[in-house]
Amino acid sequence: MVNDTNPEEVSHIIETIFPKYNTIFISPRIHEAARNKFISSAVTLGKDLYLIPELYNSIVMKSTLMEFDDTPALKIKKFGLSKFESFFKRILDVSVAVVGIIVSSPIMLACAIAIKIDSPGPIIYKQERLTIHKKPFNIYKFRSMVDDAEKLTGPVLATYDDPRVTKVGRLLRTMRLDELPQLFNVLSGNMSVVGPRPERQKFVEEFEKEIIDYNKRFFVKAGITGMSHVYARYDTGAKDRVLFDMLYIRDYSFILDVKLILLTLKIMFMKNVAAGVKSNKYKNFDRRMNTPEQRGIYGDVFSNKESKEKEDDNVKSI
C-alpha cells in the first residue's frame, strides 16, 4: 500500500523497499506519475517487473503472459543483455576486431600518412569517454580536426561542416575511417563493435538533465557503430539518438549486430548514404510508444513526432 500522491513516500519506497526484492509487481491502480517512477526505478535497479495489463496496453513491448491465480500479468524481461548474450557478443567483437585490424591495416597506414601530410599534430588522438556502467576509458581515433581544436572553446560538440575539421579529416569522417583505431578499444574490452555512441562525461551530465532515462543507454558497452550511427544522421538530436540506443538494447540479438555491421560497411563505401540510412520501421516506432508502461520504461525519448511534424508544417506555412 502506498500513498501515490505523496512524492516523498514514493521516493522512500524506491530507496528502502526496492533494494530488498528481486521482483517488483505494480498495480494498474497507481497513478501514472508514480507508476512511471516505480517502473523506471525498477528497470534501473535490474529488477524483474510485473504489470497487470489493461485492454489498451495488452500488447506492451516484448512481454510474456503470466498468471497469478486467476489474475493475468505481463512479465517484461530485464532491460539489457543476459550473460549468455554478453558472452556471444564478446566472441563477435573479438572476431570482428582481429579481422578488421588485419584487413584495414593498409587503409590505416594510408590514413596516417595523409593526416601527417595534411596538417601538423599527432596522427592518433585519445579522449576520455564513458562506456558500460559509465566506466571511463580512453578512446582512440584518427585525428580529423586541427591540433588542440578545443584549446579556446573547451569541450563542445562537433557540428555539421565544422570549421575545425581538416581536409583529410572531412574525408575520413565521411567514410567513417577515423573510427578504425577503435578496433583496438574493442580488443581491450572497453568497447563493442556495435553499441551506443561513447560520450564524454560533460555531455553525459548535460543530457541526463534533459533526457529522462538517458542513463539506461549505459546498460551495454559503447560501440564503434550502432543503430543511431546507421539510421540517424550527423545532425540528429540527442533524444532521437537515445531512442535508437534504447531500441538496440531492447531488440538486441546476434543477428542484429551482424546486420548493423554490414549496414555500416555500406555507409562507409557509399557516399550518398554516409549521413545515415533511413528506415520506416524505426522512424515510426515512437508513434506506437503511447502507453504509460512504455513511457515509464523508456522515458520521454519516445515522444510523439506527429505533433512536432505538425508544428514544422505550421512554421513553413507561416
C-alpha atoms as a PDB file:
ATOM      1  CA  MET A   1       0.000   0.000   0.000  1.00  0.00           C
ATOM      2  CA  VAL A   2       1.313   3.425  -0.900  1.00  0.00           C
ATOM      3  CA  ASN A   3       0.045   6.979  -0.966  1.00  0.00           C
ATOM      4  CA  ASP A   4       0.996   7.508  -4.595  1.00  0.00           C
ATOM      5  CA  THR A   5       0.134  11.216  -4.444  1.00  0.00           C
ATOM      6  CA  ASN A   6       2.958  11.812  -1.962  1.00  0.00           C
ATOM      7  CA  PRO A   7       6.298  12.104  -3.860  1.00  0.00           C
ATOM      8  CA  GLU A   8       8.291  11.691  -0.639  1.00  0.00           C
ATOM      9  CA  GLU A   9       6.575   8.391   0.171  1.00  0.00           C
ATOM     10  CA  VAL A  10       7.112   7.146  -3.397  1.00  0.00           C
ATOM     11  CA  SER A  11      10.826   8.013  -3.203  1.00  0.00           C
ATOM     12  CA  HIS A  12      11.090   6.402   0.245  1.00  0.00           C
ATOM     13  CA  ILE A  13       9.678   3.097  -1.058  1.00  0.00           C
ATOM     14  CA  ILE A  14      12.068   3.106  -4.026  1.00  0.00           C
ATOM     15  CA  GLU A  15      15.086   3.800  -1.823  1.00  0.00           C
ATOM     16  CA  THR A  16      14.287   1.462   1.086  1.00  0.00           C
ATOM     17  CA  ILE A  17      11.950  -1.275  -0.186  1.00  0.00           C
ATOM     18  CA  PHE A  18      13.002  -1.908  -3.798  1.00  0.00           C
ATOM     19  CA  PRO A  19      16.608  -2.999  -2.992  1.00  0.00           C
ATOM     20  CA  LYS A  20      15.257  -5.845  -0.810  1.00  0.00           C
ATOM     21  CA  TYR A  21      13.423  -7.627  -3.631  1.00  0.00           C
ATOM     22  CA  ASN A  22      14.314  -9.242  -6.974  1.00  0.00           C
ATOM     23  CA  THR A  23      10.838  -8.777  -8.423  1.00  0.00           C
ATOM     24  CA  ILE A  24       8.533  -5.752  -8.431  1.00  0.00           C
ATOM     25  CA  PHE A  25       4.790  -6.146  -9.006  1.00  0.00           C
ATOM     26  CA  ILE A  26       2.922  -2.917  -9.853  1.00  0.00           C
ATOM     27  CA  SER A  27      -0.838  -2.430  -9.725  1.00  0.00           C
ATOM     28  CA  PRO A  28      -2.547  -0.509 -12.547  1.00  0.00           C
ATOM     29  CA  ARG A  29      -4.488   1.495  -9.944  1.00  0.00           C
ATOM     30  CA  ILE A  30      -1.395   3.520  -9.070  1.00  0.00           C
ATOM     31  CA  HIS A  31      -1.436   6.965 -10.648  1.00  0.00           C
ATOM     32  CA  GLU A  32       0.583   7.367 -13.840  1.00  0.00           C
ATOM     33  CA  ALA A  33       3.297   9.663 -12.435  1.00  0.00           C
ATOM     34  CA  ALA A  34       4.077   7.337  -9.511  1.00  0.00           C
ATOM     35  CA  ARG A  35       3.767   4.216 -11.694  1.00  0.00           C
ATOM     36  CA  ASN A  36       6.224   5.580 -14.249  1.00  0.00           C
ATOM     37  CA  LYS A  37       8.703   6.402 -11.485  1.00  0.00           C
ATOM     38  CA  PHE A  38       8.333   2.912  -9.984  1.00  0.00           C
ATOM     39  CA  ILE A  39       8.826   1.247 -13.379  1.00  0.00           C
ATOM     40  CA  SER A  40      11.814   3.385 -14.316  1.00  0.00           C
ATOM     41  CA  SER A  41      13.488   2.764 -10.946  1.00  0.00           C
ATOM     42  CA  ALA A  42      12.835  -0.994 -11.127  1.00  0.00           C
ATOM     43  CA  VAL A  43      14.467  -1.127 -14.567  1.00  0.00           C
ATOM     44  CA  THR A  44      17.462   0.888 -13.351  1.00  0.00           C
ATOM     45  CA  LEU A  45      17.922  -1.479 -10.394  1.00  0.00           C
ATOM     46  CA  GLY A  46      17.760  -4.530 -12.676  1.00  0.00           C
ATOM     47  CA  LYS A  47      14.557  -5.971 -11.176  1.00  0.00           C
ATOM     48  CA  ASP A  48      12.130  -8.374 -12.803  1.00  0.00           C
ATOM     49  CA  LEU A  49       8.981  -6.371 -13.422  1.00  0.00           C
ATOM     50  CA  TYR A  50       5.302  -7.435 -13.490  1.00  0.00           C
ATOM     51  CA  LEU A  51       2.403  -5.263 -14.609  1.00  0.00           C
ATOM     52  CA  ILE A  52      -1.297  -6.104 -14.556  1.00  0.00           C
ATOM     53  CA  PRO A  53      -2.399  -5.090 -18.060  1.00  0.00           C
ATOM     54  CA  GLU A  54      -5.458  -3.195 -19.136  1.00  0.00           C
ATOM     55  CA  LEU A  55      -7.059  -3.704 -22.532  1.00  0.00           C
ATOM     56  CA  TYR A  56      -5.327  -0.770 -24.232  1.00  0.00           C
ATOM     57  CA  ASN A  57      -1.808  -1.855 -23.204  1.00  0.00           C
ATOM     58  CA  SER A  58      -2.123  -5.640 -23.504  1.00  0.00           C
ATOM     59  CA  ILE A  59       0.462  -5.749 -26.306  1.00  0.00           C
ATOM     60  CA  VAL A  60       3.129  -3.847 -24.389  1.00  0.00           C
ATOM     61  CA  MET A  61       6.687  -4.395 -25.616  1.00  0.00           C
ATOM     62  CA  LYS A  62       8.243  -7.842 -25.598  1.00  0.00           C
ATOM     63  CA  SER A  63       6.338  -9.454 -22.779  1.00  0.00           C
ATOM     64  CA  THR A  64       5.277 -12.865 -21.524  1.00  0.00           C
ATOM     65  CA  LEU A  65       1.781 -13.583 -20.260  1.00  0.00           C
ATOM     66  CA  MET A  66       1.788 -14.944 -16.708  1.00  0.00           C
ATOM     67  CA  GLU A  67      -0.953 -15.829 -14.260  1.00  0.00           C
ATOM     68  CA  PHE A  68      -1.203 -15.154 -10.533  1.00  0.00           C
ATOM     69  CA  ASP A  69      -4.094 -17.363  -9.503  1.00  0.00           C
ATOM     70  CA  ASP A  70      -6.833 -16.022 -11.830  1.00  0.00           C
ATOM     71  CA  THR A  71      -5.175 -12.656 -12.484  1.00  0.00           C
ATOM     72  CA  PRO A  72      -3.268 -12.182 -15.793  1.00  0.00           C
ATOM     73  CA  ALA A  73       0.006 -10.253 -15.729  1.00  0.00           C
ATOM     74  CA  LEU A  74       2.692  -9.283 -18.214  1.00  0.00           C
ATOM     75  CA  LYS A  75       6.306 -10.074 -17.410  1.00  0.00           C
ATOM     76  CA  ILE A  76       8.731  -7.667 -19.060  1.00  0.00           C
ATOM     77  CA  LYS A  77      12.245  -9.076 -19.231  1.00  0.00           C
ATOM     78  CA  LYS A  78      15.132  -7.219 -17.654  1.00  0.00           C
ATOM     79  CA  PHE A  79      16.415  -4.357 -19.751  1.00  0.00           C
ATOM     80  CA  GLY A  80      19.892  -5.194 -21.008  1.00  0.00           C
ATOM     81  CA  LEU A  81      21.856  -8.230 -22.147  1.00  0.00           C
ATOM     82  CA  SER A  82      21.885 -11.576 -20.376  1.00  0.00           C
ATOM     83  CA  LYS A  83      25.196 -13.281 -19.523  1.00  0.00           C
ATOM     84  CA  PHE A  84      24.608 -15.653 -22.430  1.00  0.00           C
ATOM     85  CA  GLU A  85      24.071 -12.763 -24.862  1.00  0.00           C
ATOM     86  CA  SER A  86      27.085 -10.867 -23.499  1.00  0.00           C
ATOM     87  CA  PHE A  87      29.310 -13.940 -23.979  1.00  0.00           C
ATOM     88  CA  PHE A  88      28.457 -14.387 -27.667  1.00  0.00           C
ATOM     89  CA  LYS A  89      28.587 -10.640 -28.255  1.00  0.00           C
ATOM     90  CA  ARG A  90      32.157 -10.643 -26.916  1.00  0.00           C
ATOM     91  CA  ILE A  91      33.090 -13.503 -29.282  1.00  0.00           C
ATOM     92  CA  LEU A  92      31.731 -11.495 -32.215  1.00  0.00           C
ATOM     93  CA  ASP A  93      33.571  -8.369 -31.017  1.00  0.00           C
ATOM     94  CA  VAL A  94      36.966 -10.076 -30.801  1.00  0.00           C
ATOM     95  CA  SER A  95      36.498 -11.844 -34.145  1.00  0.00           C
ATOM     96  CA  VAL A  96      35.478  -8.684 -35.989  1.00  0.00           C
ATOM     97  CA  ALA A  97      38.212  -6.607 -34.322  1.00  0.00           C
ATOM     98  CA  VAL A  98      41.008  -9.052 -35.234  1.00  0.00           C
ATOM     99  CA  VAL A  99      39.834  -9.457 -38.836  1.00  0.00           C
ATOM    100  CA  GLY A 100      39.170  -5.725 -39.116  1.00  0.00           C
ATOM    101  CA  ILE A 101      42.654  -4.765 -37.937  1.00  0.00           C
ATOM    102  CA  ILE A 102      44.308  -7.214 -40.356  1.00  0.00           C
ATOM    103  CA  VAL A 103      42.183  -6.239 -43.375  1.00  0.00           C
ATOM    104  CA  SER A 104      42.244  -2.482 -42.732  1.00  0.00           C
ATOM    105  CA  SER A 105      45.927  -2.186 -41.826  1.00  0.00           C
ATOM    106  CA  PRO A 106      46.879  -0.851 -45.314  1.00  0.00           C
ATOM    107  CA  ILE A 107      43.995   1.635 -45.101  1.00  0.00           C
ATOM    108  CA  MET A 108      45.050   2.756 -41.625  1.00  0.00           C
ATOM    109  CA  LEU A 109      48.614   3.232 -42.883  1.00  0.00           C
ATOM    110  CA  ALA A 110      47.343   5.379 -45.775  1.00  0.00           C
ATOM    111  CA  CYS A 111      45.189   7.410 -43.364  1.00  0.00           C
ATOM    112  CA  ALA A 112      48.170   8.004 -41.082  1.00  0.00           C
ATOM    113  CA  ILE A 113      50.336   9.256 -43.941  1.00  0.00           C
ATOM    114  CA  ALA A 114      47.564  11.531 -45.267  1.00  0.00           C
ATOM    115  CA  ILE A 115      46.945  13.061 -41.835  1.00  0.00           C
ATOM    116  CA  LYS A 116      50.644  13.713 -41.304  1.00  0.00           C
ATOM    117  CA  ILE A 117      50.982  15.440 -44.683  1.00  0.00           C
ATOM    118  CA  ASP A 118      47.756  17.429 -44.381  1.00  0.00           C
ATOM    119  CA  SER A 119      48.236  19.197 -41.038  1.00  0.00           C
ATOM    120  CA  PRO A 120      50.638  19.395 -38.088  1.00  0.00           C
ATOM    121  CA  GLY A 121      49.847  17.427 -34.960  1.00  0.00           C
ATOM    122  CA  PRO A 122      49.533  13.803 -33.815  1.00  0.00           C
ATOM    123  CA  ILE A 123      48.069  11.138 -36.099  1.00  0.00           C
ATOM    124  CA  ILE A 124      46.075   9.475 -33.333  1.00  0.00           C
ATOM    125  CA  TYR A 125      44.361  11.309 -30.539  1.00  0.00           C
ATOM    126  CA  LYS A 126      42.830   9.887 -27.389  1.00  0.00           C
ATOM    127  CA  GLN A 127      39.960  11.263 -25.404  1.00  0.00           C
ATOM    128  CA  GLU A 128      38.205  10.078 -22.234  1.00  0.00           C
ATOM    129  CA  ARG A 129      34.733   8.681 -22.864  1.00  0.00           C
ATOM    130  CA  LEU A 130      32.232   6.610 -20.874  1.00  0.00           C
ATOM    131  CA  THR A 131      31.232   3.024 -21.623  1.00  0.00           C
ATOM    132  CA  ILE A 132      29.097   0.407 -19.809  1.00  0.00           C
ATOM    133  CA  HIS A 133      28.124   1.426 -16.239  1.00  0.00           C
ATOM    134  CA  LYS A 134      29.655   4.847 -17.033  1.00  0.00           C
ATOM    135  CA  LYS A 135      33.152   3.411 -16.771  1.00  0.00           C
ATOM    136  CA  PRO A 136      35.705   5.931 -18.156  1.00  0.00           C
ATOM    137  CA  PHE A 137      38.209   4.841 -20.791  1.00  0.00           C
ATOM    138  CA  ASN A 138      40.449   6.420 -23.431  1.00  0.00           C
ATOM    139  CA  ILE A 139      39.033   6.179 -26.941  1.00  0.00           C
ATOM    140  CA  TYR A 140      41.411   6.195 -29.931  1.00  0.00           C
ATOM    141  CA  LYS A 141      40.610   7.842 -33.259  1.00  0.00           C
ATOM    142  CA  PHE A 142      42.443   9.221 -36.252  1.00  0.00           C
ATOM    143  CA  ARG A 143      42.765  12.977 -35.785  1.00  0.00           C
ATOM    144  CA  SER A 144      40.272  14.672 -38.101  1.00  0.00           C
ATOM    145  CA  MET A 145      40.469  18.189 -36.639  1.00  0.00           C
ATOM    146  CA  VAL A 146      43.240  20.725 -36.262  1.00  0.00           C
ATOM    147  CA  ASP A 147      45.549  20.081 -33.331  1.00  0.00           C
ATOM    148  CA  ASP A 148      44.208  21.394 -29.985  1.00  0.00           C
ATOM    149  CA  ALA A 149      40.791  22.008 -31.550  1.00  0.00           C
ATOM    150  CA  GLU A 150      39.202  22.702 -28.147  1.00  0.00           C
ATOM    151  CA  LYS A 151      42.024  24.807 -26.738  1.00  0.00           C
ATOM    152  CA  LEU A 152      39.969  28.006 -26.798  1.00  0.00           C
ATOM    153  CA  THR A 153      36.417  26.661 -26.643  1.00  0.00           C
ATOM    154  CA  GLY A 154      36.708  23.785 -24.182  1.00  0.00           C
ATOM    155  CA  PRO A 155      34.604  20.641 -24.715  1.00  0.00           C
ATOM    156  CA  VAL A 156      31.998  21.313 -27.407  1.00  0.00           C
ATOM    157  CA  LEU A 157      30.001  19.035 -29.675  1.00  0.00           C
ATOM    158  CA  ALA A 158      31.160  18.849 -33.273  1.00  0.00           C
ATOM    159  CA  THR A 159      28.736  20.394 -35.744  1.00  0.00           C
ATOM    160  CA  TYR A 160      27.955  19.718 -39.379  1.00  0.00           C
ATOM    161  CA  ASP A 161      30.538  21.455 -41.606  1.00  0.00           C
ATOM    162  CA  ASP A 162      32.661  22.186 -38.518  1.00  0.00           C
ATOM    163  CA  PRO A 163      35.459  24.642 -39.474  1.00  0.00           C
ATOM    164  CA  ARG A 164      37.920  22.827 -37.195  1.00  0.00           C
ATOM    165  CA  VAL A 165      37.809  19.711 -39.390  1.00  0.00           C
ATOM    166  CA  THR A 166      40.785  19.356 -41.743  1.00  0.00           C
ATOM    167  CA  LYS A 167      40.503  18.466 -45.454  1.00  0.00           C
ATOM    168  CA  VAL A 168      41.694  14.913 -44.867  1.00  0.00           C
ATOM    169  CA  GLY A 169      39.619  14.751 -41.695  1.00  0.00           C
ATOM    170  CA  ARG A 170      36.449  15.565 -43.624  1.00  0.00           C
ATOM    171  CA  LEU A 171      37.105  12.672 -45.986  1.00  0.00           C
ATOM    172  CA  LEU A 172      37.855  10.323 -43.097  1.00  0.00           C
ATOM    173  CA  ARG A 173      34.620  11.310 -41.354  1.00  0.00           C
ATOM    174  CA  THR A 174      32.546  10.886 -44.500  1.00  0.00           C
ATOM    175  CA  MET A 175      33.772   7.299 -44.883  1.00  0.00           C
ATOM    176  CA  ARG A 176      33.920   6.694 -41.107  1.00  0.00           C
ATOM    177  CA  LEU A 177      37.620   5.815 -41.420  1.00  0.00           C
ATOM    178  CA  ASP A 178      38.528   7.983 -38.427  1.00  0.00           C
ATOM    179  CA  GLU A 179      36.861   5.291 -36.271  1.00  0.00           C
ATOM    180  CA  LEU A 180      39.211   2.455 -37.317  1.00  0.00           C
ATOM    181  CA  PRO A 181      41.646   2.773 -34.351  1.00  0.00           C
ATOM    182  CA  GLN A 182      38.699   1.969 -32.079  1.00  0.00           C
ATOM    183  CA  LEU A 183      39.114  -1.659 -33.146  1.00  0.00           C
ATOM    184  CA  PHE A 184      41.924  -1.723 -30.569  1.00  0.00           C
ATOM    185  CA  ASN A 185      39.461  -0.402 -27.959  1.00  0.00           C
ATOM    186  CA  VAL A 186      37.226  -3.354 -28.821  1.00  0.00           C
ATOM    187  CA  LEU A 187      40.099  -5.823 -28.345  1.00  0.00           C
ATOM    188  CA  SER A 188      40.874  -4.321 -24.940  1.00  0.00           C
ATOM    189  CA  GLY A 189      37.253  -4.874 -23.875  1.00  0.00           C
ATOM    190  CA  ASN A 190      36.330  -1.236 -23.308  1.00  0.00           C
ATOM    191  CA  MET A 191      34.089  -1.084 -26.367  1.00  0.00           C
ATOM    192  CA  SER A 192      31.933  -3.312 -28.517  1.00  0.00           C
ATOM    193  CA  VAL A 193      31.733  -3.244 -32.301  1.00  0.00           C
ATOM    194  CA  VAL A 194      28.026  -2.367 -32.008  1.00  0.00           C
ATOM    195  CA  GLY A 195      26.554  -0.255 -29.226  1.00  0.00           C
ATOM    196  CA  PRO A 196      25.582   3.292 -28.194  1.00  0.00           C
ATOM    197  CA  ARG A 197      27.925   6.127 -29.045  1.00  0.00           C
ATOM    198  CA  PRO A 198      30.679   6.599 -26.408  1.00  0.00           C
ATOM    199  CA  GLU A 199      30.078  10.026 -24.899  1.00  0.00           C
ATOM    200  CA  ARG A 200      32.121  12.398 -22.767  1.00  0.00           C
ATOM    201  CA  GLN A 201      31.403  12.969 -19.072  1.00  0.00           C
ATOM    202  CA  LYS A 202      30.490  16.634 -19.563  1.00  0.00           C
ATOM    203  CA  PHE A 203      27.868  15.904 -22.191  1.00  0.00           C
ATOM    204  CA  VAL A 204      26.509  12.898 -20.292  1.00  0.00           C
ATOM    205  CA  GLU A 205      25.826  15.141 -17.303  1.00  0.00           C
ATOM    206  CA  GLU A 206      24.042  17.642 -19.549  1.00  0.00           C
ATOM    207  CA  PHE A 207      21.961  15.020 -21.361  1.00  0.00           C
ATOM    208  CA  GLU A 208      20.919  13.380 -18.081  1.00  0.00           C
ATOM    209  CA  LYS A 209      19.304  16.667 -17.045  1.00  0.00           C
ATOM    210  CA  GLU A 210      17.389  16.976 -20.316  1.00  0.00           C
ATOM    211  CA  ILE A 211      16.504  13.386 -21.270  1.00  0.00           C
ATOM    212  CA  ILE A 212      14.615  11.047 -18.957  1.00  0.00           C
ATOM    213  CA  ASP A 213      16.267   7.612 -18.616  1.00  0.00           C
ATOM    214  CA  TYR A 214      19.333   8.700 -20.595  1.00  0.00           C
ATOM    215  CA  ASN A 215      21.466   6.681 -18.154  1.00  0.00           C
ATOM    216  CA  LYS A 216      19.924   3.409 -19.374  1.00  0.00           C
ATOM    217  CA  ARG A 217      22.000   3.549 -22.561  1.00  0.00           C
ATOM    218  CA  PHE A 218      24.942   2.565 -20.326  1.00  0.00           C
ATOM    219  CA  PHE A 219      23.462  -0.896 -19.772  1.00  0.00           C
ATOM    220  CA  VAL A 220      25.731  -2.095 -22.610  1.00  0.00           C
ATOM    221  CA  LYS A 221      29.237  -1.240 -23.823  1.00  0.00           C
ATOM    222  CA  ALA A 222      29.756   1.747 -26.074  1.00  0.00           C
ATOM    223  CA  GLY A 223      30.175   0.806 -29.729  1.00  0.00           C
ATOM    224  CA  ILE A 224      32.098   1.825 -32.835  1.00  0.00           C
ATOM    225  CA  THR A 225      28.857   1.689 -34.762  1.00  0.00           C
ATOM    226  CA  GLY A 226      25.256   1.236 -33.745  1.00  0.00           C
ATOM    227  CA  MET A 227      21.652   1.766 -34.643  1.00  0.00           C
ATOM    228  CA  SER A 228      21.978   5.522 -34.197  1.00  0.00           C
ATOM    229  CA  HIS A 229      25.054   5.533 -36.479  1.00  0.00           C
ATOM    230  CA  VAL A 230      23.201   3.655 -39.208  1.00  0.00           C
ATOM    231  CA  TYR A 231      19.683   5.048 -39.065  1.00  0.00           C
ATOM    232  CA  ALA A 232      20.332   8.573 -37.785  1.00  0.00           C
ATOM    233  CA  ARG A 233      22.069  11.490 -39.473  1.00  0.00           C
ATOM    234  CA  TYR A 234      25.056  13.501 -38.289  1.00  0.00           C
ATOM    235  CA  ASP A 235      22.811  16.314 -37.025  1.00  0.00           C
ATOM    236  CA  THR A 236      20.167  14.048 -35.448  1.00  0.00           C
ATOM    237  CA  GLY A 237      19.203  15.333 -31.993  1.00  0.00           C
ATOM    238  CA  ALA A 238      20.264  13.679 -28.751  1.00  0.00           C
ATOM    239  CA  LYS A 239      16.740  12.483 -27.881  1.00  0.00           C
ATOM    240  CA  ASP A 240      16.354  10.676 -31.195  1.00  0.00           C
ATOM    241  CA  ARG A 241      19.779   9.078 -30.823  1.00  0.00           C
ATOM    242  CA  VAL A 242      18.843   7.834 -27.371  1.00  0.00           C
ATOM    243  CA  LEU A 243      15.673   6.408 -28.922  1.00  0.00           C
ATOM    244  CA  PHE A 244      17.812   4.319 -31.272  1.00  0.00           C
ATOM    245  CA  ASP A 245      20.052   3.231 -28.374  1.00  0.00           C
ATOM    246  CA  MET A 246      17.009   2.061 -26.389  1.00  0.00           C
ATOM    247  CA  LEU A 247      15.671   0.211 -29.416  1.00  0.00           C
ATOM    248  CA  TYR A 248      19.007  -1.520 -29.909  1.00  0.00           C
ATOM    249  CA  ILE A 249      19.241  -2.693 -26.301  1.00  0.00           C
ATOM    250  CA  ARG A 250      15.609  -3.813 -26.283  1.00  0.00           C
ATOM    251  CA  ASP A 251      15.855  -5.683 -29.600  1.00  0.00           C
ATOM    252  CA  TYR A 252      19.433  -6.959 -29.212  1.00  0.00           C
ATOM    253  CA  SER A 253      20.364 -10.176 -30.966  1.00  0.00           C
ATOM    254  CA  PHE A 254      23.480 -11.645 -32.535  1.00  0.00           C
ATOM    255  CA  ILE A 255      21.821 -11.272 -35.950  1.00  0.00           C
ATOM    256  CA  LEU A 256      21.018  -7.601 -35.306  1.00  0.00           C
ATOM    257  CA  ASP A 257      24.708  -6.930 -34.573  1.00  0.00           C
ATOM    258  CA  VAL A 258      25.719  -8.612 -37.846  1.00  0.00           C
ATOM    259  CA  LYS A 259      23.092  -6.615 -39.741  1.00  0.00           C
ATOM    260  CA  LEU A 260      24.274  -3.283 -38.296  1.00  0.00           C
ATOM    261  CA  ILE A 261      27.924  -4.126 -39.062  1.00  0.00           C
ATOM    262  CA  LEU A 262      27.035  -4.857 -42.706  1.00  0.00           C
ATOM    263  CA  LEU A 263      24.990  -1.650 -42.971  1.00  0.00           C
ATOM    264  CA  THR A 264      27.939   0.283 -41.555  1.00  0.00           C
ATOM    265  CA  LEU A 265      30.185  -1.117 -44.303  1.00  0.00           C
ATOM    266  CA  LYS A 266      27.591   0.039 -46.833  1.00  0.00           C
ATOM    267  CA  ILE A 267      27.656   3.543 -45.363  1.00  0.00           C
ATOM    268  CA  MET A 268      31.466   3.651 -45.477  1.00  0.00           C
ATOM    269  CA  PHE A 269      31.631   2.930 -49.196  1.00  0.00           C
ATOM    270  CA  MET A 270      28.516   4.720 -50.441  1.00  0.00           C
ATOM    271  CA  LYS A 271      28.778   8.483 -50.173  1.00  0.00           C
ATOM    272  CA  ASN A 272      25.056   9.078 -50.723  1.00  0.00           C
ATOM    273  CA  VAL A 273      24.181   7.211 -47.529  1.00  0.00           C
ATOM    274  CA  ALA A 274      27.063   8.452 -45.413  1.00  0.00           C
ATOM    275  CA  ALA A 275      24.728  10.727 -43.478  1.00  0.00           C
ATOM    276  CA  GLY A 276      22.596   7.794 -42.376  1.00  0.00           C
ATOM    277  CA  VAL A 277      20.261   5.129 -43.687  1.00  0.00           C
ATOM    278  CA  LYS A 278      16.533   5.801 -43.437  1.00  0.00           C
ATOM    279  CA  SER A 279      14.198   3.155 -42.087  1.00  0.00           C
ATOM    280  CA  ASN A 280      10.418   3.490 -41.810  1.00  0.00           C
ATOM    281  CA  LYS A 281      10.403   0.700 -39.242  1.00  0.00           C
ATOM    282  CA  TYR A 282      12.331   2.735 -36.693  1.00  0.00           C
ATOM    283  CA  LYS A 283      11.196   6.141 -37.905  1.00  0.00           C
ATOM    284  CA  ASN A 284       7.602   5.348 -36.951  1.00  0.00           C
ATOM    285  CA  PHE A 285       8.333   3.287 -33.843  1.00  0.00           C
ATOM    286  CA  ASP A 286       7.881   6.099 -31.354  1.00  0.00           C
ATOM    287  CA  ARG A 287       4.322   6.669 -32.544  1.00  0.00           C
ATOM    288  CA  ARG A 288       3.416   3.316 -31.055  1.00  0.00           C
ATOM    289  CA  MET A 289       5.065   4.140 -27.712  1.00  0.00           C
ATOM    290  CA  ASN A 290       1.994   5.751 -26.194  1.00  0.00           C
ATOM    291  CA  THR A 291       1.136   3.768 -23.071  1.00  0.00           C
ATOM    292  CA  PRO A 292       2.186   4.758 -19.534  1.00  0.00           C
ATOM    293  CA  GLU A 293       4.087   1.483 -19.108  1.00  0.00           C
ATOM    294  CA  GLN A 294       6.092   2.068 -22.270  1.00  0.00           C
ATOM    295  CA  ARG A 295       6.873   5.665 -21.421  1.00  0.00           C
ATOM    296  CA  GLY A 296       7.783   4.694 -17.868  1.00  0.00           C
ATOM    297  CA  ILE A 297      10.278   2.092 -19.014  1.00  0.00           C
ATOM    298  CA  TYR A 298      11.951   4.070 -21.743  1.00  0.00           C
ATOM    299  CA  GLY A 299      11.211   7.649 -20.770  1.00  0.00           C
ATOM    300  CA  ASP A 300      10.244  10.678 -22.843  1.00  0.00           C
ATOM    301  CA  VAL A 301      12.665   9.782 -25.635  1.00  0.00           C
ATOM    302  CA  PHE A 302       9.611   8.158 -27.212  1.00  0.00           C
ATOM    303  CA  SER A 303       7.968  11.474 -27.960  1.00  0.00           C
ATOM    304  CA  ASN A 304       5.165  11.778 -30.479  1.00  0.00           C
ATOM    305  CA  LYS A 305       6.749  13.069 -33.665  1.00  0.00           C
ATOM    306  CA  GLU A 306       3.365  13.705 -35.243  1.00  0.00           C
ATOM    307  CA  SER A 307       2.858  16.816 -33.128  1.00  0.00           C
ATOM    308  CA  LYS A 308       6.366  18.003 -33.979  1.00  0.00           C
ATOM    309  CA  GLU A 309       5.722  17.463 -37.692  1.00  0.00           C
ATOM    310  CA  LYS A 310       2.529  19.480 -37.424  1.00  0.00           C
ATOM    311  CA  GLU A 311       4.440  22.300 -35.721  1.00  0.00           C
ATOM    312  CA  ASP A 312       7.033  22.214 -38.505  1.00  0.00           C
ATOM    313  CA  ASP A 313       4.286  22.381 -41.125  1.00  0.00           C
ATOM    314  CA  ASN A 314       2.739  25.394 -39.365  1.00  0.00           C
ATOM    315  CA  VAL A 315       6.091  27.173 -39.294  1.00  0.00           C
ATOM    316  CA  LYS A 316       6.592  26.502 -43.004  1.00  0.00           C
ATOM    317  CA  SER A 317       3.108  27.789 -43.845  1.00  0.00           C
ATOM    318  CA  ILE A 318       3.710  30.985 -41.852  1.00  0.00           C
END
